[in-house]
PDB file of N, CA and C in Angstrom:
ATOM      1  N   MET A   1      -7.054 -26.809  -5.920  1.00  0.00           N
ATOM      2  CA  MET A   1      -5.779 -26.449  -5.329  1.00  0.00           C
ATOM      3  C   MET A   1      -5.969 -25.994  -3.890  1.00  0.00           C
ATOM      4  N   GLU A   2      -7.083 -25.319  -3.628  1.00  0.00           N
ATOM      5  CA  GLU A   2      -7.308 -24.786  -2.290  1.00  0.00           C
ATOM      6  C   GLU A   2      -7.333 -25.885  -1.232  1.00  0.00           C
ATOM      7  N   GLU A   3      -7.931 -27.045  -1.573  1.00  0.00           N
ATOM      8  CA  GLU A   3      -8.002 -28.141  -0.606  1.00  0.00           C
ATOM      9  C   GLU A   3      -6.606 -28.680  -0.282  1.00  0.00           C
ATOM     10  N   THR A   4      -5.755 -28.749  -1.298  1.00  0.00           N
ATOM     11  CA  THR A   4      -4.390 -29.228  -1.089  1.00  0.00           C
ATOM     12  C   THR A   4      -3.618 -28.259  -0.208  1.00  0.00           C
ATOM     13  N   VAL A   5      -3.766 -26.967  -0.478  1.00  0.00           N
ATOM     14  CA  VAL A   5      -3.081 -25.940   0.315  1.00  0.00           C
ATOM     15  C   VAL A   5      -3.574 -25.988   1.759  1.00  0.00           C
ATOM     16  N   LEU A   6      -4.876 -26.140   1.949  1.00  0.00           N
ATOM     17  CA  LEU A   6      -5.443 -26.228   3.296  1.00  0.00           C
ATOM     18  C   LEU A   6      -4.888 -27.445   4.042  1.00  0.00           C
ATOM     19  N   ALA A   7      -4.851 -28.595   3.376  1.00  0.00           N
ATOM     20  CA  ALA A   7      -4.329 -29.805   4.016  1.00  0.00           C
ATOM     21  C   ALA A   7      -2.854 -29.637   4.391  1.00  0.00           C
ATOM     22  N   LEU A   8      -2.065 -29.025   3.508  1.00  0.00           N
ATOM     23  CA  LEU A   8      -0.648 -28.781   3.806  1.00  0.00           C
ATOM     24  C   LEU A   8      -0.487 -27.823   4.980  1.00  0.00           C
ATOM     25  N   ALA A   9      -1.271 -26.754   5.006  1.00  0.00           N
ATOM     26  CA  ALA A   9      -1.182 -25.776   6.090  1.00  0.00           C
ATOM     27  C   ALA A   9      -1.539 -26.416   7.428  1.00  0.00           C
ATOM     28  N   MET A  10      -2.572 -27.253   7.423  1.00  0.00           N
ATOM     29  CA  MET A  10      -2.964 -27.920   8.663  1.00  0.00           C
ATOM     30  C   MET A  10      -1.875 -28.887   9.130  1.00  0.00           C
ATOM     31  N   GLU A  11      -1.254 -29.580   8.179  1.00  0.00           N
ATOM     32  CA  GLU A  11      -0.173 -30.510   8.535  1.00  0.00           C
ATOM     33  C   GLU A  11       1.046 -29.752   9.056  1.00  0.00           C
ATOM     34  N   LEU A  12       1.427 -28.672   8.373  1.00  0.00           N
ATOM     35  CA  LEU A  12       2.574 -27.874   8.816  1.00  0.00           C
ATOM     36  C   LEU A  12       2.359 -27.298  10.211  1.00  0.00           C
ATOM     37  N   GLY A  13       1.121 -26.875  10.484  1.00  0.00           N
ATOM     38  CA  GLY A  13       0.818 -26.276  11.779  1.00  0.00           C
ATOM     39  C   GLY A  13       0.474 -27.281  12.854  1.00  0.00           C
ATOM     40  N   GLY A  14       0.366 -28.564  12.485  1.00  0.00           N
ATOM     41  CA  GLY A  14      -0.019 -29.576  13.461  1.00  0.00           C
ATOM     42  C   GLY A  14      -1.426 -29.348  13.970  1.00  0.00           C
ATOM     43  N   LEU A  15      -2.308 -28.858  13.088  1.00  0.00           N
ATOM     44  CA  LEU A  15      -3.671 -28.513  13.489  1.00  0.00           C
ATOM     45  C   LEU A  15      -4.626 -29.667  13.246  1.00  0.00           C
ATOM     46  N   GLU A  16      -5.660 -29.719  14.060  1.00  0.00           N
ATOM     47  CA  GLU A  16      -6.727 -30.689  13.878  1.00  0.00           C
ATOM     48  C   GLU A  16      -7.915 -29.965  13.260  1.00  0.00           C
ATOM     49  N   GLU A  17      -8.890 -30.718  12.782  1.00  0.00           N
ATOM     50  CA  GLU A  17     -10.044 -30.153  12.074  1.00  0.00           C
ATOM     51  C   GLU A  17     -10.664 -28.946  12.792  1.00  0.00           C
ATOM     52  N   GLY A  18     -10.934 -29.096  14.081  1.00  0.00           N
ATOM     53  CA  GLY A  18     -11.606 -28.040  14.823  1.00  0.00           C
ATOM     54  C   GLY A  18     -10.767 -26.804  15.096  1.00  0.00           C
ATOM     55  N   GLU A  19      -9.448 -26.913  14.948  1.00  0.00           N
ATOM     56  CA  GLU A  19      -8.558 -25.801  15.254  1.00  0.00           C
ATOM     57  C   GLU A  19      -8.378 -24.832  14.095  1.00  0.00           C
ATOM     58  N   ALA A  20      -8.817 -25.207  12.926  1.00  0.00           N
ATOM     59  CA  ALA A  20      -8.483 -24.459  11.722  1.00  0.00           C
ATOM     60  C   ALA A  20      -9.481 -23.361  11.381  1.00  0.00           C
ATOM     61  N   GLN A  21     -10.054 -22.731  12.386  1.00  0.00           N
ATOM     62  CA  GLN A  21     -11.012 -21.655  12.143  1.00  0.00           C
ATOM     63  C   GLN A  21     -10.356 -20.545  11.326  1.00  0.00           C
ATOM     64  N   GLY A  22     -10.930 -20.239  10.196  1.00  0.00           N
ATOM     65  CA  GLY A  22     -10.409 -19.159   9.364  1.00  0.00           C
ATOM     66  C   GLY A  22      -9.258 -19.555   8.460  1.00  0.00           C
ATOM     67  N   LEU A  23      -8.720 -20.751   8.607  1.00  0.00           N
ATOM     68  CA  LEU A  23      -7.566 -21.149   7.804  1.00  0.00           C
ATOM     69  C   LEU A  23      -7.929 -21.299   6.327  1.00  0.00           C
ATOM     70  N   SER A  24      -9.138 -21.735   6.055  1.00  0.00           N
ATOM     71  CA  SER A  24      -9.571 -21.881   4.664  1.00  0.00           C
ATOM     72  C   SER A  24      -9.553 -20.534   3.946  1.00  0.00           C
ATOM     73  N   LEU A  25     -10.041 -19.511   4.603  1.00  0.00           N
ATOM     74  CA  LEU A  25     -10.001 -18.162   4.018  1.00  0.00           C
ATOM     75  C   LEU A  25      -8.560 -17.711   3.823  1.00  0.00           C
ATOM     76  N   SER A  26      -7.708 -17.971   4.803  1.00  0.00           N
ATOM     77  CA  SER A  26      -6.290 -17.609   4.675  1.00  0.00           C
ATOM     78  C   SER A  26      -5.654 -18.317   3.479  1.00  0.00           C
ATOM     79  N   CYS A  27      -6.069 -19.555   3.214  1.00  0.00           N
ATOM     80  CA  CYS A  27      -5.535 -20.293   2.062  1.00  0.00           C
ATOM     81  C   CYS A  27      -5.942 -19.628   0.754  1.00  0.00           C
ATOM     82  N   ARG A  28      -7.206 -19.246   0.631  1.00  0.00           N
ATOM     83  CA  ARG A  28      -7.662 -18.560  -0.590  1.00  0.00           C
ATOM     84  C   ARG A  28      -6.911 -17.248  -0.783  1.00  0.00           C
ATOM     85  N   LEU A  29      -6.720 -16.519   0.284  1.00  0.00           N
ATOM     86  CA  LEU A  29      -6.004 -15.239   0.197  1.00  0.00           C
ATOM     87  C   LEU A  29      -4.532 -15.439  -0.159  1.00  0.00           C
ATOM     88  N   ALA A  30      -3.909 -16.462   0.406  1.00  0.00           N
ATOM     89  CA  ALA A  30      -2.497 -16.746   0.109  1.00  0.00           C
ATOM     90  C   ALA A  30      -2.318 -17.147  -1.352  1.00  0.00           C
ATOM     91  N   ILE A  31      -3.226 -17.955  -1.867  1.00  0.00           N
ATOM     92  CA  ILE A  31      -3.176 -18.346  -3.276  1.00  0.00           C
ATOM     93  C   ILE A  31      -3.301 -17.108  -4.160  1.00  0.00           C
ATOM     94  N   GLY A  32      -4.220 -16.229  -3.809  1.00  0.00           N
ATOM     95  CA  GLY A  32      -4.390 -14.978  -4.567  1.00  0.00           C
ATOM     96  C   GLY A  32      -3.172 -14.078  -4.484  1.00  0.00           C
ATOM     97  N   GLU A  33      -2.586 -13.981  -3.298  1.00  0.00           N
ATOM     98  CA  GLU A  33      -1.399 -13.147  -3.111  1.00  0.00           C
ATOM     99  C   GLU A  33      -0.235 -13.653  -3.962  1.00  0.00           C
ATOM    100  N   LEU A  34       0.038 -14.948  -3.880  1.00  0.00           N
ATOM    101  CA  LEU A  34       1.143 -15.512  -4.656  1.00  0.00           C
ATOM    102  C   LEU A  34       0.892 -15.414  -6.159  1.00  0.00           C
ATOM    103  N   THR A  35      -0.332 -15.658  -6.557  1.00  0.00           N
ATOM    104  CA  THR A  35      -0.673 -15.562  -7.980  1.00  0.00           C
ATOM    105  C   THR A  35      -0.414 -14.148  -8.486  1.00  0.00           C
ATOM    106  N   GLY A  36      -0.748 -13.153  -7.675  1.00  0.00           N
ATOM    107  CA  GLY A  36      -0.537 -11.757  -8.049  1.00  0.00           C
ATOM    108  C   GLY A  36       0.923 -11.353  -8.130  1.00  0.00           C
ATOM    109  N   LEU A  37       1.794 -12.092  -7.459  1.00  0.00           N
ATOM    110  CA  LEU A  37       3.222 -11.782  -7.457  1.00  0.00           C
ATOM    111  C   LEU A  37       4.010 -12.517  -8.538  1.00  0.00           C
ATOM    112  N   LEU A  38       3.359 -13.448  -9.233  1.00  0.00           N
ATOM    113  CA  LEU A  38       4.056 -14.229 -10.252  1.00  0.00           C
ATOM    114  C   LEU A  38       4.528 -13.345 -11.404  1.00  0.00           C
ATOM    115  N   LYS A  39       5.658 -13.738 -11.979  1.00  0.00           N
ATOM    116  CA  LYS A  39       6.183 -13.033 -13.145  1.00  0.00           C
ATOM    117  C   LYS A  39       5.171 -13.123 -14.286  1.00  0.00           C
ATOM    118  N   GLU A  40       5.253 -12.178 -15.180  1.00  0.00           N
ATOM    119  CA  GLU A  40       4.361 -12.166 -16.329  1.00  0.00           C
ATOM    120  C   GLU A  40       4.516 -13.464 -17.120  1.00  0.00           C
ATOM    121  N   GLY A  41       3.394 -14.073 -17.445  1.00  0.00           N
ATOM    122  CA  GLY A  41       3.395 -15.307 -18.220  1.00  0.00           C
ATOM    123  C   GLY A  41       3.517 -16.573 -17.394  1.00  0.00           C
ATOM    124  N   VAL A  42       3.746 -16.450 -16.092  1.00  0.00           N
ATOM    125  CA  VAL A  42       3.868 -17.615 -15.216  1.00  0.00           C
ATOM    126  C   VAL A  42       2.523 -17.827 -14.517  1.00  0.00           C
ATOM    127  N   VAL A  43       2.067 -19.072 -14.488  1.00  0.00           N
ATOM    128  CA  VAL A  43       0.833 -19.437 -13.786  1.00  0.00           C
ATOM    129  C   VAL A  43       1.194 -20.386 -12.656  1.00  0.00           C
ATOM    130  N   PRO A  44       0.327 -20.522 -11.651  1.00  0.00           N
ATOM    131  CA  PRO A  44       0.644 -21.386 -10.509  1.00  0.00           C
ATOM    132  C   PRO A  44       1.060 -22.803 -10.908  1.00  0.00           C
ATOM    133  N   GLU A  45       0.455 -23.351 -11.933  1.00  0.00           N
ATOM    134  CA  GLU A  45       0.770 -24.711 -12.359  1.00  0.00           C
ATOM    135  C   GLU A  45       2.218 -24.833 -12.846  1.00  0.00           C
ATOM    136  N   ASP A  46       2.812 -23.745 -13.311  1.00  0.00           N
ATOM    137  CA  ASP A  46       4.206 -23.758 -13.754  1.00  0.00           C
ATOM    138  C   ASP A  46       5.174 -23.978 -12.587  1.00  0.00           C
ATOM    139  N   CYS A  47       4.723 -23.693 -11.393  1.00  0.00           N
ATOM    140  CA  CYS A  47       5.581 -23.756 -10.205  1.00  0.00           C
ATOM    141  C   CYS A  47       5.544 -25.115  -9.515  1.00  0.00           C
ATOM    142  N   GLY A  48       4.663 -25.991  -9.947  1.00  0.00           N
ATOM    143  CA  GLY A  48       4.556 -27.320  -9.352  1.00  0.00           C
ATOM    144  C   GLY A  48       4.137 -27.265  -7.893  1.00  0.00           C
ATOM    145  N   GLU A  49       4.674 -28.204  -7.118  1.00  0.00           N
ATOM    146  CA  GLU A  49       4.320 -28.289  -5.698  1.00  0.00           C
ATOM    147  C   GLU A  49       4.869 -27.120  -4.888  1.00  0.00           C
ATOM    148  N   THR A  50       5.850 -26.431  -5.426  1.00  0.00           N
ATOM    149  CA  THR A  50       6.435 -25.289  -4.719  1.00  0.00           C
ATOM    150  C   THR A  50       5.368 -24.245  -4.435  1.00  0.00           C
ATOM    151  N   PHE A  51       4.491 -24.005  -5.407  1.00  0.00           N
ATOM    152  CA  PHE A  51       3.427 -23.005  -5.231  1.00  0.00           C
ATOM    153  C   PHE A  51       2.511 -23.406  -4.082  1.00  0.00           C
ATOM    154  N   GLN A  52       2.090 -24.664  -4.068  1.00  0.00           N
ATOM    155  CA  GLN A  52       1.176 -25.126  -3.029  1.00  0.00           C
ATOM    156  C   GLN A  52       1.817 -25.072  -1.647  1.00  0.00           C
ATOM    157  N   ALA A  53       3.071 -25.479  -1.556  1.00  0.00           N
ATOM    158  CA  ALA A  53       3.770 -25.451  -0.266  1.00  0.00           C
ATOM    159  C   ALA A  53       3.955 -24.017   0.218  1.00  0.00           C
ATOM    160  N   ALA A  54       4.319 -23.121  -0.682  1.00  0.00           N
ATOM    161  CA  ALA A  54       4.511 -21.721  -0.300  1.00  0.00           C
ATOM    162  C   ALA A  54       3.181 -21.085   0.101  1.00  0.00           C
ATOM    163  N   ALA A  55       2.119 -21.395  -0.627  1.00  0.00           N
ATOM    164  CA  ALA A  55       0.800 -20.854  -0.280  1.00  0.00           C
ATOM    165  C   ALA A  55       0.363 -21.364   1.092  1.00  0.00           C
ATOM    166  N   ALA A  56       0.649 -22.627   1.392  1.00  0.00           N
ATOM    167  CA  ALA A  56       0.309 -23.186   2.702  1.00  0.00           C
ATOM    168  C   ALA A  56       1.063 -22.458   3.809  1.00  0.00           C
ATOM    169  N   LYS A  57       2.349 -22.170   3.581  1.00  0.00           N
ATOM    170  CA  LYS A  57       3.140 -21.449   4.587  1.00  0.00           C
ATOM    171  C   LYS A  57       2.609 -20.032   4.779  1.00  0.00           C
ATOM    172  N   LEU A  58       2.269 -19.357   3.679  1.00  0.00           N
ATOM    173  CA  LEU A  58       1.715 -18.004   3.795  1.00  0.00           C
ATOM    174  C   LEU A  58       0.394 -18.022   4.560  1.00  0.00           C
ATOM    175  N   ALA A  59      -0.463 -18.984   4.222  1.00  0.00           N
ATOM    176  CA  ALA A  59      -1.768 -19.079   4.889  1.00  0.00           C
ATOM    177  C   ALA A  59      -1.598 -19.353   6.376  1.00  0.00           C
ATOM    178  N   LEU A  60      -0.715 -20.282   6.708  1.00  0.00           N
ATOM    179  CA  LEU A  60      -0.482 -20.615   8.113  1.00  0.00           C
ATOM    180  C   LEU A  60       0.115 -19.432   8.858  1.00  0.00           C
ATOM    181  N   ALA A  61       1.038 -18.723   8.220  1.00  0.00           N
ATOM    182  CA  ALA A  61       1.640 -17.544   8.855  1.00  0.00           C
ATOM    183  C   ALA A  61       0.583 -16.487   9.155  1.00  0.00           C
ATOM    184  N   ASP A  62      -0.300 -16.234   8.200  1.00  0.00           N
ATOM    185  CA  ASP A  62      -1.357 -15.244   8.412  1.00  0.00           C
ATOM    186  C   ASP A  62      -2.318 -15.689   9.509  1.00  0.00           C
ATOM    187  N   TRP A  63      -2.668 -16.973   9.482  1.00  0.00           N
ATOM    188  CA  TRP A  63      -3.581 -17.510  10.493  1.00  0.00           C
ATOM    189  C   TRP A  63      -2.953 -17.429  11.881  1.00  0.00           C
ATOM    190  N   MET A  64      -1.664 -17.805  11.974  1.00  0.00           N
ATOM    191  CA  MET A  64      -0.981 -17.757  13.269  1.00  0.00           C
ATOM    192  C   MET A  64      -0.878 -16.326  13.790  1.00  0.00           C
ATOM    193  N   ALA A  65      -0.615 -15.391  12.887  1.00  0.00           N
ATOM    194  CA  ALA A  65      -0.498 -13.996  13.305  1.00  0.00           C
ATOM    195  C   ALA A  65      -1.839 -13.466  13.824  1.00  0.00           C
ATOM    196  N   LEU A  66      -2.925 -13.928  13.235  1.00  0.00           N
ATOM    197  CA  LEU A  66      -4.252 -13.442  13.630  1.00  0.00           C
ATOM    198  C   LEU A  66      -4.813 -14.192  14.828  1.00  0.00           C
ATOM    199  N   TRP A  67      -4.746 -15.515  14.782  1.00  0.00           N
ATOM    200  CA  TRP A  67      -5.404 -16.332  15.788  1.00  0.00           C
ATOM    201  C   TRP A  67      -4.446 -16.969  16.786  1.00  0.00           C
ATOM    202  N   GLY A  68      -3.187 -17.040  16.450  1.00  0.00           N
ATOM    203  CA  GLY A  68      -2.266 -17.805  17.291  1.00  0.00           C
ATOM    204  C   GLY A  68      -2.560 -19.276  17.108  1.00  0.00           C
ATOM    205  N   THR A  69      -1.985 -20.094  17.898  1.00  0.00           N
ATOM    206  CA  THR A  69      -2.212 -21.530  17.759  1.00  0.00           C
ATOM    207  C   THR A  69      -3.301 -22.025  18.688  1.00  0.00           C
ATOM    208  N   GLY A  70      -3.740 -21.180  19.621  1.00  0.00           N
ATOM    209  CA  GLY A  70      -4.742 -21.622  20.572  1.00  0.00           C
ATOM    210  C   GLY A  70      -4.151 -22.452  21.699  1.00  0.00           C
ATOM    211  N   ARG A  71      -2.854 -22.661  21.670  1.00  0.00           N
ATOM    212  CA  ARG A  71      -2.162 -23.435  22.695  1.00  0.00           C
ATOM    213  C   ARG A  71      -1.237 -22.510  23.476  1.00  0.00           C
ATOM    214  N   PRO A  72      -0.945 -22.860  24.713  1.00  0.00           N
ATOM    215  CA  PRO A  72       0.001 -22.026  25.456  1.00  0.00           C
ATOM    216  C   PRO A  72       1.374 -22.039  24.782  1.00  0.00           C
ATOM    217  N   LYS A  73       2.018 -20.899  24.741  1.00  0.00           N
ATOM    218  CA  LYS A  73       3.340 -20.814  24.137  1.00  0.00           C
ATOM    219  C   LYS A  73       4.423 -21.268  25.107  1.00  0.00           C
ATOM    220  N   LYS A  74       4.128 -21.143  26.403  1.00  0.00           N
ATOM    221  CA  LYS A  74       5.108 -21.540  27.405  1.00  0.00           C
ATOM    222  C   LYS A  74       4.355 -22.045  28.635  1.00  0.00           C
ATOM    223  N   PHE A  75       4.838 -23.144  29.185  1.00  0.00           N
ATOM    224  CA  PHE A  75       4.215 -23.726  30.358  1.00  0.00           C
ATOM    225  C   PHE A  75       5.312 -24.133  31.333  1.00  0.00           C
ATOM    226  N   THR A  76       5.190 -23.704  32.574  1.00  0.00           N
ATOM    227  CA  THR A  76       6.189 -24.044  33.578  1.00  0.00           C
ATOM    228  C   THR A  76       5.506 -24.731  34.753  1.00  0.00           C
ATOM    229  N   ALA A  77       6.092 -25.836  35.168  1.00  0.00           N
ATOM    230  CA  ALA A  77       5.615 -26.550  36.354  1.00  0.00           C
ATOM    231  C   ALA A  77       6.842 -26.918  37.180  1.00  0.00           C
ATOM    232  N   GLY A  78       7.046 -26.179  38.243  1.00  0.00           N
ATOM    233  CA  GLY A  78       8.227 -26.417  39.067  1.00  0.00           C
ATOM    234  C   GLY A  78       9.493 -26.052  38.305  1.00  0.00           C
ATOM    235  N   ASP A  79      10.391 -27.032  38.162  1.00  0.00           N
ATOM    236  CA  ASP A  79      11.652 -26.797  37.463  1.00  0.00           C
ATOM    237  C   ASP A  79      11.577 -27.127  35.974  1.00  0.00           C
ATOM    238  N   VAL A  80      10.414 -27.567  35.499  1.00  0.00           N
ATOM    239  CA  VAL A  80      10.271 -27.992  34.104  1.00  0.00           C
ATOM    240  C   VAL A  80       9.524 -26.926  33.310  1.00  0.00           C
ATOM    241  N   THR A  81      10.128 -26.509  32.194  1.00  0.00           N
ATOM    242  CA  THR A  81       9.497 -25.532  31.308  1.00  0.00           C
ATOM    243  C   THR A  81       9.382 -26.141  29.915  1.00  0.00           C
ATOM    244  N   VAL A  82       8.193 -26.034  29.351  1.00  0.00           N
ATOM    245  CA  VAL A  82       7.949 -26.523  27.996  1.00  0.00           C
ATOM    246  C   VAL A  82       7.543 -25.328  27.154  1.00  0.00           C
ATOM    247  N   GLU A  83       8.244 -25.126  26.032  1.00  0.00           N
ATOM    248  CA  GLU A  83       7.913 -24.042  25.119  1.00  0.00           C
ATOM    249  C   GLU A  83       7.494 -24.613  23.789  1.00  0.00           C
ATOM    250  N   GLU A  84       6.477 -24.004  23.201  1.00  0.00           N
ATOM    251  CA  GLU A  84       6.013 -24.445  21.891  1.00  0.00           C
ATOM    252  C   GLU A  84       6.961 -23.929  20.826  1.00  0.00           C
ATOM    253  N   GLY A  85       7.280 -24.756  19.854  1.00  0.00           N
ATOM    254  CA  GLY A  85       8.171 -24.365  18.777  1.00  0.00           C
ATOM    255  C   GLY A  85       7.481 -24.402  17.432  1.00  0.00           C
ATOM    256  N   ALA A  86       6.229 -23.988  17.378  1.00  0.00           N
ATOM    257  CA  ALA A  86       5.445 -24.100  16.151  1.00  0.00           C
ATOM    258  C   ALA A  86       5.967 -23.219  15.035  1.00  0.00           C
ATOM    259  N   GLY A  87       6.719 -22.220  15.371  1.00  0.00           N
ATOM    260  CA  GLY A  87       7.263 -21.374  14.320  1.00  0.00           C
ATOM    261  C   GLY A  87       6.783 -19.945  14.434  1.00  0.00           C
ATOM    262  N   ASP A  88       7.543 -19.099  13.848  1.00  0.00           N
ATOM    263  CA  ASP A  88       7.271 -17.675  13.852  1.00  0.00           C
ATOM    264  C   ASP A  88       6.565 -17.322  12.542  1.00  0.00           C
ATOM    265  N   PRO A  89       5.415 -16.637  12.597  1.00  0.00           N
ATOM    266  CA  PRO A  89       4.702 -16.293  11.364  1.00  0.00           C
ATOM    267  C   PRO A  89       5.567 -15.532  10.360  1.00  0.00           C
ATOM    268  N   ALA A  90       6.381 -14.613  10.830  1.00  0.00           N
ATOM    269  CA  ALA A  90       7.232 -13.846   9.909  1.00  0.00           C
ATOM    270  C   ALA A  90       8.258 -14.752   9.235  1.00  0.00           C
ATOM    271  N   ASN A  91       8.775 -15.732   9.973  1.00  0.00           N
ATOM    272  CA  ASN A  91       9.736 -16.662   9.408  1.00  0.00           C
ATOM    273  C   ASN A  91       9.078 -17.553   8.351  1.00  0.00           C
ATOM    274  N   LEU A  92       7.868 -18.018   8.623  1.00  0.00           N
ATOM    275  CA  LEU A  92       7.134 -18.819   7.636  1.00  0.00           C
ATOM    276  C   LEU A  92       6.915 -18.032   6.348  1.00  0.00           C
ATOM    277  N   ARG A  93       6.555 -16.759   6.502  1.00  0.00           N
ATOM    278  CA  ARG A  93       6.320 -15.899   5.332  1.00  0.00           C
ATOM    279  C   ARG A  93       7.612 -15.741   4.521  1.00  0.00           C
ATOM    280  N   ARG A  94       8.726 -15.503   5.196  1.00  0.00           N
ATOM    281  CA  ARG A  94      10.009 -15.368   4.498  1.00  0.00           C
ATOM    282  C   ARG A  94      10.374 -16.654   3.761  1.00  0.00           C
ATOM    283  N   GLN A  95      10.164 -17.788   4.414  1.00  0.00           N
ATOM    284  CA  GLN A  95      10.456 -19.071   3.778  1.00  0.00           C
ATOM    285  C   GLN A  95       9.634 -19.258   2.513  1.00  0.00           C
ATOM    286  N   ALA A  96       8.355 -18.947   2.600  1.00  0.00           N
ATOM    287  CA  ALA A  96       7.465 -19.120   1.448  1.00  0.00           C
ATOM    288  C   ALA A  96       7.909 -18.254   0.272  1.00  0.00           C
ATOM    289  N   LEU A  97       8.207 -17.000   0.549  1.00  0.00           N
ATOM    290  CA  LEU A  97       8.609 -16.094  -0.528  1.00  0.00           C
ATOM    291  C   LEU A  97       9.980 -16.457  -1.083  1.00  0.00           C
ATOM    292  N   ARG A  98      10.858 -16.961  -0.231  1.00  0.00           N
ATOM    293  CA  ARG A  98      12.178 -17.394  -0.699  1.00  0.00           C
ATOM    294  C   ARG A  98      12.060 -18.622  -1.606  1.00  0.00           C
ATOM    295  N   GLN A  99      11.172 -19.552  -1.250  1.00  0.00           N
ATOM    296  CA  GLN A  99      10.952 -20.734  -2.085  1.00  0.00           C
ATOM    297  C   GLN A  99      10.415 -20.352  -3.461  1.00  0.00           C
ATOM    298  N   MET A 100       9.581 -19.348  -3.499  1.00  0.00           N
ATOM    299  CA  MET A 100       8.933 -18.938  -4.749  1.00  0.00           C
ATOM    300  C   MET A 100       9.752 -17.916  -5.530  1.00  0.00           C
ATOM    301  N   ALA A 101      10.868 -17.471  -5.004  1.00  0.00           N
ATOM    302  CA  ALA A 101      11.659 -16.398  -5.613  1.00  0.00           C
ATOM    303  C   ALA A 101      11.903 -16.567  -7.111  1.00  0.00           C
ATOM    304  N   PRO A 102      12.217 -17.764  -7.610  1.00  0.00           N
ATOM    305  CA  PRO A 102      12.470 -17.879  -9.046  1.00  0.00           C
ATOM    306  C   PRO A 102      11.241 -17.554  -9.914  1.00  0.00           C
ATOM    307  N   TYR A 103      10.055 -17.648  -9.330  1.00  0.00           N
ATOM    308  CA  TYR A 103       8.823 -17.444 -10.085  1.00  0.00           C
ATOM    309  C   TYR A 103       8.198 -16.066  -9.877  1.00  0.00           C
ATOM    310  N   LEU A 104       8.710 -15.309  -8.922  1.00  0.00           N
ATOM    311  CA  LEU A 104       8.081 -14.045  -8.535  1.00  0.00           C
ATOM    312  C   LEU A 104       8.783 -12.839  -9.126  1.00  0.00           C
ATOM    313  N   THR A 105       8.000 -11.784  -9.301  1.00  0.00           N
ATOM    314  CA  THR A 105       8.599 -10.510  -9.665  1.00  0.00           C
ATOM    315  C   THR A 105       9.296  -9.964  -8.433  1.00  0.00           C
ATOM    316  N   ASP A 106      10.239  -9.088  -8.621  1.00  0.00           N
ATOM    317  CA  ASP A 106      10.947  -8.483  -7.497  1.00  0.00           C
ATOM    318  C   ASP A 106      10.235  -7.181  -7.147  1.00  0.00           C
ATOM    319  N   PRO A 107       9.478  -7.156  -6.034  1.00  0.00           N
ATOM    320  CA  PRO A 107       8.733  -5.954  -5.694  1.00  0.00           C
ATOM    321  C   PRO A 107       9.628  -4.767  -5.330  1.00  0.00           C
ATOM    322  N   ALA A 108      10.891  -5.029  -5.020  1.00  0.00           N
ATOM    323  CA  ALA A 108      11.810  -3.950  -4.644  1.00  0.00           C
ATOM    324  C   ALA A 108      12.446  -3.303  -5.862  1.00  0.00           C
ATOM    325  N   PHE A 109      12.307  -3.916  -7.033  1.00  0.00           N
ATOM    326  CA  PHE A 109      12.942  -3.393  -8.237  1.00  0.00           C
ATOM    327  C   PHE A 109      11.934  -2.609  -9.051  1.00  0.00           C
ATOM    328  N   HIS A 110      12.314  -1.423  -9.450  1.00  0.00           N
ATOM    329  CA  HIS A 110      11.456  -0.599 -10.308  1.00  0.00           C
ATOM    330  C   HIS A 110      12.341   0.111 -11.309  1.00  0.00           C
ATOM    331  N   PHE A 111      12.026  -0.062 -12.578  1.00  0.00           N
ATOM    332  CA  PHE A 111      12.795   0.613 -13.613  1.00  0.00           C
ATOM    333  C   PHE A 111      11.938   1.715 -14.204  1.00  0.00           C
ATOM    334  N   GLN A 112      12.508   2.883 -14.282  1.00  0.00           N
ATOM    335  CA  GLN A 112      11.813   4.019 -14.877  1.00  0.00           C
ATOM    336  C   GLN A 112      12.708   4.584 -15.943  1.00  0.00           C
ATOM    337  N   GLY A 113      12.140   4.860 -17.077  1.00  0.00           N
ATOM    338  CA  GLY A 113      12.924   5.387 -18.189  1.00  0.00           C
ATOM    339  C   GLY A 113      13.573   6.726 -17.864  1.00  0.00           C
ATOM    340  N   VAL A 114      14.662   7.004 -18.537  1.00  0.00           N
ATOM    341  CA  VAL A 114      15.390   8.236 -18.337  1.00  0.00           C
ATOM    342  C   VAL A 114      15.338   9.019 -19.654  1.00  0.00           C
ATOM    343  N   ARG A 115      14.989  10.275 -19.540  1.00  0.00           N
ATOM    344  CA  ARG A 115      14.925  11.117 -20.748  1.00  0.00           C
ATOM    345  C   ARG A 115      16.319  11.456 -21.233  1.00  0.00           C
ATOM    346  N   PRO A 116      16.512  11.430 -22.559  1.00  0.00           N
ATOM    347  CA  PRO A 116      17.831  11.785 -23.084  1.00  0.00           C
ATOM    348  C   PRO A 116      18.113  13.259 -22.970  1.00  0.00           C
TER     349      PRO A 116
END
């Protein structure tokens, strides 16, 4: 699964082989993070391709936050300005968690018993 997640993350980020320093580790960590958030009794295979796509987005978001893309974010030459639109790491993370929402526990919800 890790190889598939890595390939998806590289494709989503438009990265080439040499640019993906540390991305493999981010993929393993993202898979572990998502697996830990799954509802009781749910395994990654139950989620189909959604799990792999979400893990790729999480891995890419973490990698981008740590390393950036290695490319200039904005370049201006005279009257022409080019800005990179690779995506915001926080937005990628939100997308991944939103895609996986049906399979994840709600970390904001906590039920505690009440004494009679």
